[in-house]
PDB file of N, CA and C in Angstrom:
ATOM      1  N   MET A   1     -16.317   4.531   3.643  1.00  0.00           N
ATOM      2  CA  MET A   1     -15.195   4.547   4.118  1.00  0.00           C
ATOM      3  C   MET A   1     -14.072   4.648   2.987  1.00  0.00           C
ATOM      4  N   PRO A   2     -13.422   5.682   2.584  1.00  0.00           N
ATOM      5  CA  PRO A   2     -12.557   6.094   1.674  1.00  0.00           C
ATOM      6  C   PRO A   2     -11.157   4.788   1.946  1.00  0.00           C
ATOM      7  N   GLN A   3     -10.518   4.233   1.194  1.00  0.00           N
ATOM      8  CA  GLN A   3      -9.364   3.670   1.441  1.00  0.00           C
ATOM      9  C   GLN A   3      -8.153   3.954   0.469  1.00  0.00           C
ATOM     10  N   ILE A   4      -7.444   3.935   0.464  1.00  0.00           N
ATOM     11  CA  ILE A   4      -5.675   3.880   0.053  1.00  0.00           C
ATOM     12  C   ILE A   4      -5.435   2.799  -0.426  1.00  0.00           C
ATOM     13  N   ILE A   5      -5.340   1.828  -1.516  1.00  0.00           N
ATOM     14  CA  ILE A   5      -4.854   0.591  -1.619  1.00  0.00           C
ATOM     15  C   ILE A   5      -3.806   0.743  -2.543  1.00  0.00           C
ATOM     16  N   VAL A   6      -2.867   0.159  -2.060  1.00  0.00           N
ATOM     17  CA  VAL A   6      -1.397  -0.349  -3.054  1.00  0.00           C
ATOM     18  C   VAL A   6      -1.414  -1.802  -3.333  1.00  0.00           C
ATOM     19  N   MET A   7      -1.448  -2.245  -4.134  1.00  0.00           N
ATOM     20  CA  MET A   7      -1.546  -3.633  -5.148  1.00  0.00           C
ATOM     21  C   MET A   7      -0.160  -3.583  -6.297  1.00  0.00           C
ATOM     22  N   ALA A   8       0.198  -5.026  -5.725  1.00  0.00           N
ATOM     23  CA  ALA A   8       1.275  -4.649  -7.027  1.00  0.00           C
ATOM     24  C   ALA A   8       0.924  -5.454  -8.218  1.00  0.00           C
ATOM     25  N   ASP A   9       1.036  -5.070  -9.795  1.00  0.00           N
ATOM     26  CA  ASP A   9       1.145  -5.523 -10.850  1.00  0.00           C
ATOM     27  C   ASP A   9       1.744  -6.346 -11.466  1.00  0.00           C
ATOM     28  N   PRO A  10       1.389  -7.678 -11.967  1.00  0.00           N
ATOM     29  CA  PRO A  10       0.469  -7.941 -12.010  1.00  0.00           C
ATOM     30  C   PRO A  10       0.253  -9.156 -10.876  1.00  0.00           C
ATOM     31  N   PRO A  11      -1.044  -9.892 -10.967  1.00  0.00           N
ATOM     32  CA  PRO A  11      -1.809 -10.142  -9.748  1.00  0.00           C
ATOM     33  C   PRO A  11      -0.152 -11.505  -9.949  1.00  0.00           C
ATOM     34  N   ALA A  12      -0.699 -12.141  -8.163  1.00  0.00           N
ATOM     35  CA  ALA A  12       0.390 -13.228  -8.103  1.00  0.00           C
ATOM     36  C   ALA A  12      -0.202 -14.265  -9.372  1.00  0.00           C
ATOM     37  N   LYS A  13       0.637 -15.528  -9.157  1.00  0.00           N
ATOM     38  CA  LYS A  13       0.719 -16.368  -9.386  1.00  0.00           C
ATOM     39  C   LYS A  13      -0.787 -17.425  -9.635  1.00  0.00           C
ATOM     40  N   ASP A  14      -1.201 -17.062  -8.686  1.00  0.00           N
ATOM     41  CA  ASP A  14      -2.978 -17.901  -7.817  1.00  0.00           C
ATOM     42  C   ASP A  14      -3.594 -16.938  -8.854  1.00  0.00           C
ATOM     43  N   GLY A  15      -2.908 -15.920  -9.190  1.00  0.00           N
ATOM     44  CA  GLY A  15      -4.569 -14.797 -10.130  1.00  0.00           C
ATOM     45  C   GLY A  15      -4.774 -13.900  -9.041  1.00  0.00           C
ATOM     46  N   LYS A  16      -4.912 -13.968  -7.963  1.00  0.00           N
ATOM     47  CA  LYS A  16      -5.087 -13.005  -7.107  1.00  0.00           C
ATOM     48  C   LYS A  16      -4.626 -11.884  -6.862  1.00  0.00           C
ATOM     49  N   ALA A  17      -4.991 -10.572  -7.003  1.00  0.00           N
ATOM     50  CA  ALA A  17      -4.031  -9.273  -6.647  1.00  0.00           C
ATOM     51  C   ALA A  17      -3.145  -9.643  -4.730  1.00  0.00           C
ATOM     52  N   THR A  18      -1.840  -8.772  -4.852  1.00  0.00           N
ATOM     53  CA  THR A  18      -1.054  -8.800  -3.943  1.00  0.00           C
ATOM     54  C   THR A  18      -1.399  -7.780  -3.545  1.00  0.00           C
ATOM     55  N   VAL A  19      -2.165  -7.518  -1.942  1.00  0.00           N
ATOM     56  CA  VAL A  19      -2.026  -5.650  -1.983  1.00  0.00           C
ATOM     57  C   VAL A  19      -0.988  -5.647  -0.687  1.00  0.00           C
ATOM     58  N   MET A  20      -0.455  -4.510  -0.951  1.00  0.00           N
ATOM     59  CA  MET A  20       0.479  -4.274   0.001  1.00  0.00           C
ATOM     60  C   MET A  20       0.330  -3.236   0.849  1.00  0.00           C
ATOM     61  N   LEU A  21      -0.956  -2.884   1.330  1.00  0.00           N
ATOM     62  CA  LEU A  21      -1.186  -1.415   1.414  1.00  0.00           C
ATOM     63  C   LEU A  21      -2.909  -1.626   1.479  1.00  0.00           C
ATOM     64  N   ARG A  22      -4.007  -1.864   2.532  1.00  0.00           N
ATOM     65  CA  ARG A  22      -5.083  -1.079   2.482  1.00  0.00           C
ATOM     66  C   ARG A  22      -4.828  -0.637   3.790  1.00  0.00           C
ATOM     67  N   GLU A  23      -5.801   0.614   4.371  1.00  0.00           N
ATOM     68  CA  GLU A  23      -5.898   1.744   5.297  1.00  0.00           C
ATOM     69  C   GLU A  23      -6.880   2.783   5.114  1.00  0.00           C
ATOM     70  N   ARG A  24      -7.849   2.342   5.624  1.00  0.00           N
ATOM     71  CA  ARG A  24      -9.154   3.203   5.349  1.00  0.00           C
ATOM     72  C   ARG A  24      -8.659   4.632   6.285  1.00  0.00           C
ATOM     73  N   VAL A  25      -8.735   5.495   5.637  1.00  0.00           N
ATOM     74  CA  VAL A  25      -8.867   7.087   5.971  1.00  0.00           C
ATOM     75  C   VAL A  25     -10.292   8.010   5.979  1.00  0.00           C
ATOM     76  N   ASN A  26     -10.084   9.217   6.692  1.00  0.00           N
ATOM     77  CA  ASN A  26     -11.513  10.290   6.882  1.00  0.00           C
ATOM     78  C   ASN A  26     -10.637  11.034   7.015  1.00  0.00           C
ATOM     79  N   VAL A  27     -11.132  12.479   6.094  1.00  0.00           N
ATOM     80  CA  VAL A  27     -11.132  13.624   5.902  1.00  0.00           C
ATOM     81  C   VAL A  27     -10.533  14.666   7.006  1.00  0.00           C
ATOM     82  N   THR A  28     -10.561  13.637   8.287  1.00  0.00           N
ATOM     83  CA  THR A  28     -10.122  14.607  10.087  1.00  0.00           C
ATOM     84  C   THR A  28      -8.844  13.788   9.971  1.00  0.00           C
ATOM     85  N   ASP A  29      -8.283  12.792   9.988  1.00  0.00           N
ATOM     86  CA  ASP A  29      -6.825  12.461   9.953  1.00  0.00           C
ATOM     87  C   ASP A  29      -5.868  12.997   9.345  1.00  0.00           C
ATOM     88  N   PHE A  30      -6.301  14.368   7.923  1.00  0.00           N
ATOM     89  CA  PHE A  30      -5.506  14.724   8.053  1.00  0.00           C
ATOM     90  C   PHE A  30      -5.066  16.150   8.517  1.00  0.00           C
ATOM     91  N   GLU A  31      -5.478  16.219   9.479  1.00  0.00           N
ATOM     92  CA  GLU A  31      -6.125  17.227  10.234  1.00  0.00           C
ATOM     93  C   GLU A  31      -4.647  17.035  11.331  1.00  0.00           C
ATOM     94  N   SER A  32      -3.776  16.101  11.708  1.00  0.00           N
ATOM     95  CA  SER A  32      -3.017  15.774  12.221  1.00  0.00           C
ATOM     96  C   SER A  32      -1.041  15.253  11.151  1.00  0.00           C
ATOM     97  N   ASP A  33      -0.802  16.372  11.499  1.00  0.00           N
ATOM     98  CA  ASP A  33       1.197  16.115  10.596  1.00  0.00           C
ATOM     99  C   ASP A  33       1.311  15.247  11.052  1.00  0.00           C
ATOM    100  N   HIS A  34       0.948  14.208  12.336  1.00  0.00           N
ATOM    101  CA  HIS A  34       2.056  13.220  12.676  1.00  0.00           C
ATOM    102  C   HIS A  34       1.319  12.312  11.940  1.00  0.00           C
ATOM    103  N   PHE A  35      -0.243  12.250  11.564  1.00  0.00           N
ATOM    104  CA  PHE A  35      -0.606  11.218  10.489  1.00  0.00           C
ATOM    105  C   PHE A  35      -0.334  11.107   9.457  1.00  0.00           C
ATOM    106  N   ALA A  36      -0.445  12.553   9.073  1.00  0.00           N
ATOM    107  CA  ALA A  36       0.076  12.880   7.413  1.00  0.00           C
ATOM    108  C   ALA A  36       1.466  11.663   7.383  1.00  0.00           C
ATOM    109  N   THR A  37       2.549  12.712   8.048  1.00  0.00           N
ATOM    110  CA  THR A  37       3.816  11.518   7.724  1.00  0.00           C
ATOM    111  C   THR A  37       4.116  10.528   7.813  1.00  0.00           C
ATOM    112  N   GLN A  38       3.125   9.840   9.109  1.00  0.00           N
ATOM    113  CA  GLN A  38       2.787   8.422   9.307  1.00  0.00           C
ATOM    114  C   GLN A  38       2.428   7.504   7.684  1.00  0.00           C
ATOM    115  N   LEU A  39       2.054   8.296   7.262  1.00  0.00           N
ATOM    116  CA  LEU A  39       1.055   7.815   6.892  1.00  0.00           C
ATOM    117  C   LEU A  39       1.724   7.517   5.031  1.00  0.00           C
ATOM    118  N   VAL A  40       2.699   8.396   4.441  1.00  0.00           N
ATOM    119  CA  VAL A  40       3.687   8.514   3.779  1.00  0.00           C
ATOM    120  C   VAL A  40       4.537   6.883   3.619  1.00  0.00           C
ATOM    121  N   GLN A  41       4.829   7.968   5.209  1.00  0.00           N
ATOM    122  CA  GLN A  41       6.288   6.930   5.380  1.00  0.00           C
ATOM    123  C   GLN A  41       5.334   5.103   5.385  1.00  0.00           C
ATOM    124  N   ARG A  42       3.661   4.179   5.496  1.00  0.00           N
ATOM    125  CA  ARG A  42       3.960   3.709   5.201  1.00  0.00           C
ATOM    126  C   ARG A  42       3.247   3.185   3.797  1.00  0.00           C
ATOM    127  N   LEU A  43       2.901   3.939   3.556  1.00  0.00           N
ATOM    128  CA  LEU A  43       3.341   4.485   1.701  1.00  0.00           C
ATOM    129  C   LEU A  43       4.172   3.869   0.936  1.00  0.00           C
ATOM    130  N   GLY A  44       4.953   4.712   1.762  1.00  0.00           N
ATOM    131  CA  GLY A  44       6.643   4.218   0.525  1.00  0.00           C
ATOM    132  C   GLY A  44       6.893   2.810   1.111  1.00  0.00           C
ATOM    133  N   TRP A  45       6.530   2.451   1.886  1.00  0.00           N
ATOM    134  CA  TRP A  45       7.023   0.896   2.403  1.00  0.00           C
ATOM    135  C   TRP A  45       5.972   0.059   1.226  1.00  0.00           C
ATOM    136  N   ALA A  46       4.904   0.408   0.902  1.00  0.00           N
ATOM    137  CA  ALA A  46       4.068  -0.265   0.054  1.00  0.00           C
ATOM    138  C   ALA A  46       4.775  -0.319  -1.050  1.00  0.00           C
ATOM    139  N   VAL A  47       4.792   0.610  -1.378  1.00  0.00           N
ATOM    140  CA  VAL A  47       5.653   0.891  -3.051  1.00  0.00           C
ATOM    141  C   VAL A  47       6.539   0.247  -3.147  1.00  0.00           C
ATOM    142  N   GLY A  48       7.653   0.180  -2.395  1.00  0.00           N
ATOM    143  CA  GLY A  48       8.786  -0.806  -2.346  1.00  0.00           C
ATOM    144  C   GLY A  48       8.132  -2.236  -2.400  1.00  0.00           C
ATOM    145  N   ASP A  49       7.791  -2.841  -1.652  1.00  0.00           N
ATOM    146  CA  ASP A  49       7.535  -4.107  -1.129  1.00  0.00           C
ATOM    147  C   ASP A  49       6.454  -4.024  -2.478  1.00  0.00           C
ATOM    148  N   ALA A  50       5.565  -3.255  -3.309  1.00  0.00           N
ATOM    149  CA  ALA A  50       4.957  -3.868  -4.771  1.00  0.00           C
ATOM    150  C   ALA A  50       6.001  -4.449  -5.899  1.00  0.00           C
ATOM    151  N   ASN A  51       6.467  -2.519  -5.513  1.00  0.00           N
ATOM    152  CA  ASN A  51       8.273  -3.239  -6.690  1.00  0.00           C
ATOM    153  C   ASN A  51       8.636  -4.062  -6.736  1.00  0.00           C
ATOM    154  N   GLN A  52       9.301  -4.652  -5.595  1.00  0.00           N
ATOM    155  CA  GLN A  52       9.553  -6.454  -5.400  1.00  0.00           C
ATOM    156  C   GLN A  52       9.138  -7.263  -5.683  1.00  0.00           C
ATOM    157  N   ALA A  53       7.726  -6.925  -5.679  1.00  0.00           N
ATOM    158  CA  ALA A  53       6.468  -8.463  -6.257  1.00  0.00           C
ATOM    159  C   ALA A  53       6.529  -8.477  -7.504  1.00  0.00           C
ATOM    160  N   GLU A  54       6.558  -7.141  -7.872  1.00  0.00           N
ATOM    161  CA  GLU A  54       6.476  -6.951  -9.472  1.00  0.00           C
ATOM    162  C   GLU A  54       8.098  -7.386 -10.393  1.00  0.00           C
ATOM    163  N   GLN A  55       8.756  -7.078  -9.367  1.00  0.00           N
ATOM    164  CA  GLN A  55       9.931  -8.002 -10.078  1.00  0.00           C
ATOM    165  C   GLN A  55      10.377 -10.017  -9.601  1.00  0.00           C
ATOM    166  N   GLY A  56       9.095  -9.949  -9.136  1.00  0.00           N
ATOM    167  CA  GLY A  56       9.048 -11.702  -8.474  1.00  0.00           C
ATOM    168  C   GLY A  56      10.200 -11.856  -6.970  1.00  0.00           C
ATOM    169  N   ASP A  57      10.497 -10.696  -6.669  1.00  0.00           N
ATOM    170  CA  ASP A  57      11.646 -10.880  -5.703  1.00  0.00           C
ATOM    171  C   ASP A  57      10.405 -10.666  -4.471  1.00  0.00           C
ATOM    172  N   GLY A  58      10.296 -11.328  -3.992  1.00  0.00           N
ATOM    173  CA  GLY A  58       9.188 -11.809  -2.671  1.00  0.00           C
ATOM    174  C   GLY A  58       7.278 -11.545  -2.793  1.00  0.00           C
ATOM    175  N   ARG A  59       7.686 -12.382  -3.572  1.00  0.00           N
ATOM    176  CA  ARG A  59       5.993 -12.725  -3.499  1.00  0.00           C
ATOM    177  C   ARG A  59       5.054 -13.260  -2.431  1.00  0.00           C
ATOM    178  N   ARG A  60       3.537 -12.290  -2.277  1.00  0.00           N
ATOM    179  CA  ARG A  60       3.195 -13.059  -1.158  1.00  0.00           C
ATOM    180  C   ARG A  60       2.376 -13.628  -1.206  1.00  0.00           C
TER     181      ARG A  60
END
């Protein structure tokens, strides 16, 4: 099944990638406007978290 993954770059100090969002999606999911709107919101949060992690501010 397709996935959307948002990761911080570079990897955490332990060498492991910091995954902010990993979500499986299906073509039929996008038939729902509600799903699409919520997905964009989750993507925005994940990108913001990844940006903070890249700045060394809140690495998980």
